[in-house]
C-alpha atoms as a PDB file:
ATOM      1  CA  MET A   1     -22.950 -14.547 -14.537  1.00  0.00           C
ATOM      2  CA  LEU A   2     -19.703 -13.513 -12.913  1.00  0.00           C
ATOM      3  CA  GLU A   3     -16.548 -15.092 -14.241  1.00  0.00           C
ATOM      4  CA  LEU A   4     -13.477 -15.162 -12.063  1.00  0.00           C
ATOM      5  CA  HIS A   5     -10.159 -16.420 -13.275  1.00  0.00           C
ATOM      6  CA  GLY A   6      -7.315 -17.103 -10.896  1.00  0.00           C
ATOM      7  CA  LYS A   7      -4.716 -15.693 -13.278  1.00  0.00           C
ATOM      8  CA  VAL A   8      -6.520 -12.342 -13.510  1.00  0.00           C
ATOM      9  CA  LEU A   9      -6.615 -12.093  -9.722  1.00  0.00           C
ATOM     10  CA  MET A  10      -2.959 -13.120  -9.403  1.00  0.00           C
ATOM     11  CA  ASP A  11      -1.933 -10.586 -12.059  1.00  0.00           C
ATOM     12  CA  ALA A  12      -3.814  -7.855 -10.186  1.00  0.00           C
ATOM     13  CA  ALA A  13      -2.046  -8.862  -6.965  1.00  0.00           C
ATOM     14  CA  THR A  14       1.346  -8.770  -8.672  1.00  0.00           C
ATOM     15  CA  ASP A  15       0.581  -5.329 -10.106  1.00  0.00           C
ATOM     16  CA  LEU A  16      -0.524  -4.045  -6.714  1.00  0.00           C
ATOM     17  CA  LEU A  17       2.646  -5.350  -5.047  1.00  0.00           C
ATOM     18  CA  GLY A  18       4.680  -3.549  -7.708  1.00  0.00           C
ATOM     19  CA  ARG A  19       2.828  -0.321  -7.016  1.00  0.00           C
ATOM     20  CA  LYS A  20       3.381  -0.852  -3.289  1.00  0.00           C
ATOM     21  CA  GLY A  21       7.108  -1.067  -3.948  1.00  0.00           C
ATOM     22  CA  GLU A  22       7.038   2.080  -6.079  1.00  0.00           C
ATOM     23  CA  LEU A  23       5.142   4.039  -3.440  1.00  0.00           C
ATOM     24  CA  SER A  24       7.474   2.798  -0.713  1.00  0.00           C
ATOM     25  CA  ARG A  25      10.550   3.865  -2.709  1.00  0.00           C
ATOM     26  CA  GLU A  26       9.048   7.276  -3.492  1.00  0.00           C
ATOM     27  CA  LEU A  27       8.216   7.833   0.176  1.00  0.00           C
ATOM     28  CA  SER A  28      11.752   6.912   1.177  1.00  0.00           C
ATOM     29  CA  LEU A  29      13.228   9.283  -1.416  1.00  0.00           C
ATOM     30  CA  ALA A  30      10.953  12.136  -0.328  1.00  0.00           C
ATOM     31  CA  VAL A  31      11.750  11.658   3.365  1.00  0.00           C
ATOM     32  CA  SER A  32      15.481  11.479   2.603  1.00  0.00           C
ATOM     33  CA  ALA A  33      15.318  14.639   0.495  1.00  0.00           C
ATOM     34  CA  LEU A  34      13.467  16.562   3.197  1.00  0.00           C
ATOM     35  CA  ASN A  35      15.781  15.297   5.932  1.00  0.00           C
ATOM     36  CA  GLY A  36      18.737  16.254   3.747  1.00  0.00           C
ATOM     37  CA  LEU A  37      17.647  19.880   3.896  1.00  0.00           C
ATOM     38  CA  GLY A  38      18.399  19.997   7.595  1.00  0.00           C
ATOM     39  CA  ALA A  39      16.631  22.476   9.840  1.00  0.00           C
ATOM     40  CA  PHE A  40      15.462  24.662   6.951  1.00  0.00           C
ATOM     41  CA  TRP A  41      12.964  26.454   9.220  1.00  0.00           C
ATOM     42  CA  GLY A  42      15.783  28.170  11.081  1.00  0.00           C
ATOM     43  CA  GLY A  43      16.345  28.762  14.761  1.00  0.00           C
ATOM     44  CA  ASP A  44      14.453  31.996  15.239  1.00  0.00           C
ATOM     45  CA  GLU A  45      11.021  32.320  16.831  1.00  0.00           C
ATOM     46  CA  ALA A  46       9.152  32.139  13.525  1.00  0.00           C
ATOM     47  CA  GLY A  47      11.122  29.068  12.492  1.00  0.00           C
ATOM     48  CA  GLN A  48      10.395  27.306  15.767  1.00  0.00           C
ATOM     49  CA  ALA A  49       6.701  28.178  15.481  1.00  0.00           C
ATOM     50  CA  PHE A  50       6.718  26.652  11.987  1.00  0.00           C
ATOM     51  CA  TYR A  51       8.483  23.522  13.239  1.00  0.00           C
ATOM     52  CA  THR A  52       6.622  22.884  16.498  1.00  0.00           C
ATOM     53  CA  GLY A  53       3.355  24.680  15.799  1.00  0.00           C
ATOM     54  CA  GLN A  54       1.612  27.328  17.792  1.00  0.00           C
ATOM     55  CA  GLY A  55      -1.786  27.982  19.280  1.00  0.00           C
ATOM     56  CA  GLY A  56      -2.502  24.275  19.636  1.00  0.00           C
ATOM     57  CA  GLY A  57      -1.880  23.594  15.954  1.00  0.00           C
ATOM     58  CA  GLY A  58       0.700  21.097  14.885  1.00  0.00           C
ATOM     59  CA  GLY A  59       3.786  22.320  13.122  1.00  0.00           C
ATOM     60  CA  TYR A  60       5.974  20.802  10.459  1.00  0.00           C
ATOM     61  CA  GLN A  61       7.345  18.181  12.862  1.00  0.00           C
ATOM     62  CA  THR A  62       3.910  16.779  13.719  1.00  0.00           C
ATOM     63  CA  ARG A  63       2.356  17.185  10.288  1.00  0.00           C
ATOM     64  CA  SER A  64       5.235  15.642   8.362  1.00  0.00           C
ATOM     65  CA  GLN A  65       5.238  12.568  10.611  1.00  0.00           C
ATOM     66  CA  ALA A  66       1.457  12.276  10.261  1.00  0.00           C
ATOM     67  CA  ILE A  67       1.791  12.313   6.467  1.00  0.00           C
ATOM     68  CA  VAL A  68       4.457   9.590   6.569  1.00  0.00           C
ATOM     69  CA  THR A  69       2.260   7.503   8.889  1.00  0.00           C
ATOM     70  CA  GLU A  70      -0.727   7.836   6.542  1.00  0.00           C
ATOM     71  CA  ILE A  71       1.301   6.906   3.463  1.00  0.00           C
ATOM     72  CA  GLU A  72       2.735   3.900   5.317  1.00  0.00           C
ATOM     73  CA  ALA A  73      -0.848   2.837   6.085  1.00  0.00           C
ATOM     74  CA  ILE A  74      -1.675   3.055   2.375  1.00  0.00           C
ATOM     75  CA  ILE A  75       1.419   0.984   1.553  1.00  0.00           C
ATOM     76  CA  ASP A  76       0.323  -1.607   4.126  1.00  0.00           C
ATOM     77  CA  GLY A  77      -3.158  -1.582   2.591  1.00  0.00           C
ATOM     78  CA  TYR A  78      -1.688  -2.315  -0.853  1.00  0.00           C
ATOM     79  CA  GLU A  79       0.099  -5.354   0.553  1.00  0.00           C
ATOM     80  CA  LYS A  80      -2.932  -6.645   2.454  1.00  0.00           C
ATOM     81  CA  THR A  81      -5.138  -6.209  -0.604  1.00  0.00           C
ATOM     82  CA  ALA A  82      -2.593  -8.018  -2.790  1.00  0.00           C
ATOM     83  CA  LEU A  83      -2.394 -10.909  -0.315  1.00  0.00           C
ATOM     84  CA  GLY A  84      -6.196 -11.101  -0.340  1.00  0.00           C
ATOM     85  CA  LEU A  85      -6.230 -11.200  -4.144  1.00  0.00           C
ATOM     86  CA  GLN A  86      -3.632 -13.980  -4.118  1.00  0.00           C
ATOM     87  CA  GLN A  87      -5.783 -16.003  -1.727  1.00  0.00           C
ATOM     88  CA  MET A  88      -8.863 -15.365  -3.876  1.00  0.00           C
ATOM     89  CA  SER A  89      -6.896 -16.609  -6.883  1.00  0.00           C
ATOM     90  CA  ARG A  90      -5.945 -19.843  -5.132  1.00  0.00           C
ATOM     91  CA  ASN A  91      -9.505 -20.332  -3.853  1.00  0.00           C
ATOM     92  CA  THR A  92     -10.968 -19.706  -7.314  1.00  0.00           C
ATOM     93  CA  ASP A  93      -8.592 -22.179  -8.941  1.00  0.00           C
ATOM     94  CA  GLN A  94      -9.369 -24.782  -6.281  1.00  0.00           C
ATOM     95  CA  ALA A  95     -13.122 -24.260  -6.683  1.00  0.00           C
ATOM     96  CA  ASN A  96     -12.825 -24.650 -10.452  1.00  0.00           C
ATOM     97  CA  TRP A  97     -10.936 -27.917 -10.050  1.00  0.00           C
ATOM     98  CA  ASN A  98     -13.489 -29.137  -7.515  1.00  0.00           C
ATOM     99  CA  VAL A  99     -16.210 -28.564 -10.116  1.00  0.00           C
ATOM    100  CA  VAL A 100     -14.228 -30.453 -12.759  1.00  0.00           C
ATOM    101  CA  ILE A 101     -13.700 -33.368 -10.379  1.00  0.00           C
ATOM    102  CA  SER A 102     -17.403 -33.488  -9.545  1.00  0.00           C
ATOM    103  CA  LEU A 103     -18.519 -33.694 -13.186  1.00  0.00           C
ATOM    104  CA  PRO A 104     -20.004 -37.029 -14.199  1.00  0.00           C
ATOM    105  CA  LYS A 105     -17.633 -39.336 -15.965  1.00  0.00           C
ATOM    106  CA  VAL A 106     -18.311 -40.056 -19.621  1.00  0.00           C
ATOM    107  CA  SER A 107     -18.355 -43.746 -20.389  1.00  0.00           C
ATOM    108  CA  LYS A 108     -16.442 -45.103 -23.350  1.00  0.00           C
END
């Protein structure tokens, strides 16, 4: 038999939201640090090839934005999963109370 407790689900949601916040902060710090370096690839031909890519391959500009986009999708997934866990918690608690209400009354 599977036992579900609303508090366990809510605690998991709270933990996941905390991790979402941590990941979001770390992403922001990493992006700020990289942006703070300026155009570290330089202005010569090799630097521009690194930045924009060559031969149809994406360079730093494209790849770095793709990484940020993917991490933002993970962060969004954390939030959506946490919201789902919160809803499951409320539904579980409501279902448990519905069972209690439906139990036969004991006469005195």
